[in-house]
Amino acid sequence: MGEMIYPRSPRETMCGWMHLPRFIDKIRLHLAGKLHKDYQPNFCKGFDGLWLEKAGVKAEEFVEVVRNSLTDGEVCDWVLKNVKQPDSARAAQRDRMLNYPRNDDAEGQARLKMRKENAGNRKQRDGIHKCRMISSPGKPMDCCEKNDHLPVP
């Protein structure tokens, strides 16, 4: 599987939903046989699954929507027409993403620690907020909504 193609940041939004553009990228990469092995175990799970749950959409249905679309605009139109969730559902999904892993999630905290250890120099690594560690490894990440970490160099 050659060079890794990174999906968009999990903090990018579409139709008011955080992570949706990234999930669409992952689906397109999967359909093209180019989804990197690092992303395959959590495909349609993790934050993808959280979006599916909060949006009330089945994974197979949404994969077909993306498969049958040429543009993000077509997917966005489908979401606006078919996903009828209150603003509170989008807010709950965003809050779970930005507060992941929870402090009482030992496995998630261990994974975050490992990612921080692999993140580069100590000064930068120690200031990285957990929601920035979710993004694509090895790729510069944008700032999250919480401004309690070091800026991206």
C-alpha atoms as a PDB file:
ATOM      1  CA  MET A   1       0.000   0.000   0.000  1.00  0.00           C
ATOM      2  CA  GLY A   2       2.525   2.790  -0.836  1.00  0.00           C
ATOM      3  CA  GLU A   3       2.659   6.204   0.735  1.00  0.00           C
ATOM      4  CA  MET A   4       0.099   7.049   3.393  1.00  0.00           C
ATOM      5  CA  ILE A   5      -2.706   9.359   2.266  1.00  0.00           C
ATOM      6  CA  TYR A   6      -3.988  11.343   5.229  1.00  0.00           C
ATOM      7  CA  PRO A   7      -7.666  12.089   5.678  1.00  0.00           C
ATOM      8  CA  ARG A   8      -8.677  15.563   6.780  1.00  0.00           C
ATOM      9  CA  SER A   9      -8.434  16.645  10.413  1.00  0.00           C
ATOM     10  CA  PRO A  10     -11.042  15.172  12.760  1.00  0.00           C
ATOM     11  CA  ARG A  11     -11.911  18.735  13.777  1.00  0.00           C
ATOM     12  CA  GLU A  12     -13.058  19.798  10.314  1.00  0.00           C
ATOM     13  CA  THR A  13     -16.815  20.112  10.073  1.00  0.00           C
ATOM     14  CA  MET A  14     -19.519  19.634   7.471  1.00  0.00           C
ATOM     15  CA  CYS A  15     -23.237  20.272   7.990  1.00  0.00           C
ATOM     16  CA  GLY A  16     -22.371  21.180  11.577  1.00  0.00           C
ATOM     17  CA  TRP A  17     -20.842  17.748  12.255  1.00  0.00           C
ATOM     18  CA  MET A  18     -17.263  17.507  13.472  1.00  0.00           C
ATOM     19  CA  HIS A  19     -15.257  14.610  11.910  1.00  0.00           C
ATOM     20  CA  LEU A  20     -17.635  14.133   8.971  1.00  0.00           C
ATOM     21  CA  PRO A  21     -15.151  15.303   6.280  1.00  0.00           C
ATOM     22  CA  ARG A  22     -12.503  12.955   7.699  1.00  0.00           C
ATOM     23  CA  PHE A  23     -14.946  10.041   7.721  1.00  0.00           C
ATOM     24  CA  ILE A  24     -15.840  10.738   4.081  1.00  0.00           C
ATOM     25  CA  ASP A  25     -12.127  10.762   3.183  1.00  0.00           C
ATOM     26  CA  LYS A  26     -11.634   7.449   4.978  1.00  0.00           C
ATOM     27  CA  ILE A  27     -14.574   5.894   3.140  1.00  0.00           C
ATOM     28  CA  ARG A  28     -13.261   7.096  -0.226  1.00  0.00           C
ATOM     29  CA  LEU A  29      -9.794   5.757   0.562  1.00  0.00           C
ATOM     30  CA  HIS A  30     -11.309   2.449   1.682  1.00  0.00           C
ATOM     31  CA  LEU A  31     -13.366   2.133  -1.496  1.00  0.00           C
ATOM     32  CA  ALA A  32     -10.247   2.842  -3.596  1.00  0.00           C
ATOM     33  CA  GLY A  33      -8.222   0.243  -1.665  1.00  0.00           C
ATOM     34  CA  LYS A  34      -5.933   2.982  -0.314  1.00  0.00           C
ATOM     35  CA  LEU A  35      -6.997   3.269   3.331  1.00  0.00           C
ATOM     36  CA  HIS A  36      -3.751   2.825   5.255  1.00  0.00           C
ATOM     37  CA  LYS A  37      -3.520  -0.213   7.520  1.00  0.00           C
ATOM     38  CA  ASP A  38      -3.255   2.084  10.573  1.00  0.00           C
ATOM     39  CA  TYR A  39      -6.816   3.290   9.915  1.00  0.00           C
ATOM     40  CA  GLN A  40      -8.411  -0.040   9.012  1.00  0.00           C
ATOM     41  CA  PRO A  41      -9.044  -1.462  12.522  1.00  0.00           C
ATOM     42  CA  ASN A  42     -11.233   1.538  13.445  1.00  0.00           C
ATOM     43  CA  PHE A  43     -12.929   2.023  10.081  1.00  0.00           C
ATOM     44  CA  CYS A  44     -16.611   2.696  10.886  1.00  0.00           C
ATOM     45  CA  LYS A  45     -15.717   2.375  14.584  1.00  0.00           C
ATOM     46  CA  GLY A  46     -14.194   4.834  17.041  1.00  0.00           C
ATOM     47  CA  PHE A  47     -15.004   8.397  15.989  1.00  0.00           C
ATOM     48  CA  ASP A  48     -16.494   7.123  12.713  1.00  0.00           C
ATOM     49  CA  GLY A  49     -18.855   4.995  14.791  1.00  0.00           C
ATOM     50  CA  LEU A  50     -19.582   7.899  17.108  1.00  0.00           C
ATOM     51  CA  TRP A  51     -20.692  10.001  14.123  1.00  0.00           C
ATOM     52  CA  LEU A  52     -22.831   7.129  12.814  1.00  0.00           C
ATOM     53  CA  GLU A  53     -24.414   6.664  16.244  1.00  0.00           C
ATOM     54  CA  LYS A  54     -25.157  10.343  16.867  1.00  0.00           C
ATOM     55  CA  ALA A  55     -26.364  10.871  13.280  1.00  0.00           C
ATOM     56  CA  GLY A  56     -28.564   7.762  13.436  1.00  0.00           C
ATOM     57  CA  VAL A  57     -27.086   6.288  10.244  1.00  0.00           C
ATOM     58  CA  LYS A  58     -25.987   2.708   9.538  1.00  0.00           C
ATOM     59  CA  ALA A  59     -22.400   2.264   8.322  1.00  0.00           C
ATOM     60  CA  GLU A  60     -23.379   0.312   5.204  1.00  0.00           C
ATOM     61  CA  GLU A  61     -25.901   2.977   4.213  1.00  0.00           C
ATOM     62  CA  PHE A  62     -23.410   5.819   4.568  1.00  0.00           C
ATOM     63  CA  VAL A  63     -20.653   3.971   2.707  1.00  0.00           C
ATOM     64  CA  GLU A  64     -23.120   3.582  -0.187  1.00  0.00           C
ATOM     65  CA  VAL A  65     -23.967   7.300  -0.062  1.00  0.00           C
ATOM     66  CA  VAL A  66     -20.279   8.154  -0.408  1.00  0.00           C
ATOM     67  CA  ARG A  67     -19.756   5.456  -3.056  1.00  0.00           C
ATOM     68  CA  ASN A  68     -22.562   6.962  -5.169  1.00  0.00           C
ATOM     69  CA  SER A  69     -21.365  10.570  -4.836  1.00  0.00           C
ATOM     70  CA  LEU A  70     -18.755  12.478  -6.778  1.00  0.00           C
ATOM     71  CA  THR A  71     -18.383  15.457  -4.442  1.00  0.00           C
ATOM     72  CA  ASP A  72     -18.555  16.383  -0.791  1.00  0.00           C
ATOM     73  CA  GLY A  73     -21.456  18.651  -1.747  1.00  0.00           C
ATOM     74  CA  GLU A  74     -23.544  15.641  -2.762  1.00  0.00           C
ATOM     75  CA  VAL A  75     -22.783  13.934   0.557  1.00  0.00           C
ATOM     76  CA  CYS A  76     -23.588  17.155   2.413  1.00  0.00           C
ATOM     77  CA  ASP A  77     -26.928  17.419   0.590  1.00  0.00           C
ATOM     78  CA  TRP A  78     -27.736  13.831   1.603  1.00  0.00           C
ATOM     79  CA  VAL A  79     -26.817  14.516   5.243  1.00  0.00           C
ATOM     80  CA  LEU A  80     -28.932  17.676   5.346  1.00  0.00           C
ATOM     81  CA  LYS A  81     -31.899  15.825   3.854  1.00  0.00           C
ATOM     82  CA  ASN A  82     -31.633  12.548   5.794  1.00  0.00           C
ATOM     83  CA  VAL A  83     -29.939  13.210   9.134  1.00  0.00           C
ATOM     84  CA  LYS A  84     -32.509  14.915  11.334  1.00  0.00           C
ATOM     85  CA  GLN A  85     -30.782  15.171  14.691  1.00  0.00           C
ATOM     86  CA  PRO A  86     -31.026  18.089  17.125  1.00  0.00           C
ATOM     87  CA  ASP A  87     -28.091  20.438  17.651  1.00  0.00           C
ATOM     88  CA  SER A  88     -27.551  18.686  20.987  1.00  0.00           C
ATOM     89  CA  ALA A  89     -26.519  15.487  19.156  1.00  0.00           C
ATOM     90  CA  ARG A  90     -23.824  17.369  17.208  1.00  0.00           C
ATOM     91  CA  ALA A  91     -22.690  19.082  20.413  1.00  0.00           C
ATOM     92  CA  ALA A  92     -22.511  15.758  22.284  1.00  0.00           C
ATOM     93  CA  GLN A  93     -20.459  14.199  19.470  1.00  0.00           C
ATOM     94  CA  ARG A  94     -18.075  17.190  19.387  1.00  0.00           C
ATOM     95  CA  ASP A  95     -17.671  17.190  23.177  1.00  0.00           C
ATOM     96  CA  ARG A  96     -16.893  13.458  23.272  1.00  0.00           C
ATOM     97  CA  MET A  97     -14.255  13.922  20.591  1.00  0.00           C
ATOM     98  CA  LEU A  98     -12.616  16.924  22.244  1.00  0.00           C
ATOM     99  CA  ASN A  99     -12.564  15.229  25.641  1.00  0.00           C
ATOM    100  CA  TYR A 100     -11.137  11.926  24.448  1.00  0.00           C
ATOM    101  CA  PRO A 101      -9.738   9.951  26.123  1.00  0.00           C
ATOM    102  CA  ARG A 102     -11.534  10.496  29.411  1.00  0.00           C
ATOM    103  CA  ASN A 103      -9.304  10.660  32.452  1.00  0.00           C
ATOM    104  CA  ASP A 104     -10.807   7.386  33.748  1.00  0.00           C
ATOM    105  CA  ASP A 105     -10.064   5.548  30.458  1.00  0.00           C
ATOM    106  CA  ALA A 106      -6.811   3.749  31.317  1.00  0.00           C
ATOM    107  CA  GLU A 107      -6.416   2.165  27.867  1.00  0.00           C
ATOM    108  CA  GLY A 108      -7.061   5.466  26.087  1.00  0.00           C
ATOM    109  CA  GLN A 109      -4.680   7.341  28.389  1.00  0.00           C
ATOM    110  CA  ALA A 110      -1.974   4.713  27.740  1.00  0.00           C
ATOM    111  CA  ARG A 111      -2.475   5.093  23.967  1.00  0.00           C
ATOM    112  CA  LEU A 112      -2.271   8.900  24.330  1.00  0.00           C
ATOM    113  CA  LYS A 113       0.942   8.563  26.351  1.00  0.00           C
ATOM    114  CA  MET A 114       2.473   6.313  23.672  1.00  0.00           C
ATOM    115  CA  ARG A 115       1.502   8.778  20.922  1.00  0.00           C
ATOM    116  CA  LYS A 116       3.009  11.648  22.901  1.00  0.00           C
ATOM    117  CA  GLU A 117       6.233   9.662  23.373  1.00  0.00           C
ATOM    118  CA  ASN A 118       6.413   9.171  19.608  1.00  0.00           C
ATOM    119  CA  ALA A 119       5.538  12.792  18.817  1.00  0.00           C
ATOM    120  CA  GLY A 120       8.950  14.427  18.634  1.00  0.00           C
ATOM    121  CA  ASN A 121      10.863  16.762  20.912  1.00  0.00           C
ATOM    122  CA  ARG A 122       9.957  16.887  24.615  1.00  0.00           C
ATOM    123  CA  LYS A 123       8.908  20.546  24.765  1.00  0.00           C
ATOM    124  CA  GLN A 124       6.453  20.106  21.912  1.00  0.00           C
ATOM    125  CA  ARG A 125       5.320  16.652  23.093  1.00  0.00           C
ATOM    126  CA  ASP A 126       4.488  17.752  26.648  1.00  0.00           C
ATOM    127  CA  GLY A 127       2.316  20.608  25.419  1.00  0.00           C
ATOM    128  CA  ILE A 128       0.223  18.572  23.004  1.00  0.00           C
ATOM    129  CA  HIS A 129      -3.407  18.407  24.003  1.00  0.00           C
ATOM    130  CA  LYS A 130      -5.032  15.001  23.680  1.00  0.00           C
ATOM    131  CA  CYS A 131      -7.469  16.047  20.951  1.00  0.00           C
ATOM    132  CA  ARG A 132      -4.523  16.971  18.710  1.00  0.00           C
ATOM    133  CA  MET A 133      -3.062  13.473  19.063  1.00  0.00           C
ATOM    134  CA  ILE A 134      -6.070  11.996  17.258  1.00  0.00           C
ATOM    135  CA  SER A 135      -5.070  13.566  13.974  1.00  0.00           C
ATOM    136  CA  SER A 136      -2.830  12.049  11.364  1.00  0.00           C
ATOM    137  CA  PRO A 137       0.509  10.874  12.762  1.00  0.00           C
ATOM    138  CA  GLY A 138       3.483  12.645  11.236  1.00  0.00           C
ATOM    139  CA  LYS A 139       1.338  15.376   9.697  1.00  0.00           C
ATOM    140  CA  PRO A 140       1.141  18.934  11.084  1.00  0.00           C
ATOM    141  CA  MET A 141      -2.115  19.403  12.953  1.00  0.00           C
ATOM    142  CA  ASP A 142      -4.260  22.470  13.388  1.00  0.00           C
ATOM    143  CA  CYS A 143      -5.282  23.779  16.795  1.00  0.00           C
ATOM    144  CA  CYS A 144      -8.355  22.414  18.461  1.00  0.00           C
ATOM    145  CA  GLU A 145     -11.017  24.543  20.106  1.00  0.00           C
ATOM    146  CA  LYS A 146      -9.317  24.240  23.474  1.00  0.00           C
ATOM    147  CA  ASN A 147      -6.446  26.675  23.612  1.00  0.00           C
ATOM    148  CA  ASP A 148      -4.544  25.029  26.468  1.00  0.00           C
ATOM    149  CA  HIS A 149      -1.629  23.593  24.497  1.00  0.00           C
ATOM    150  CA  LEU A 150       1.340  24.749  22.502  1.00  0.00           C
ATOM    151  CA  PRO A 151       0.657  26.147  19.030  1.00  0.00           C
ATOM    152  CA  VAL A 152       1.550  24.088  16.017  1.00  0.00           C
ATOM    153  CA  PRO A 153       5.152  24.967  15.052  1.00  0.00           C
END
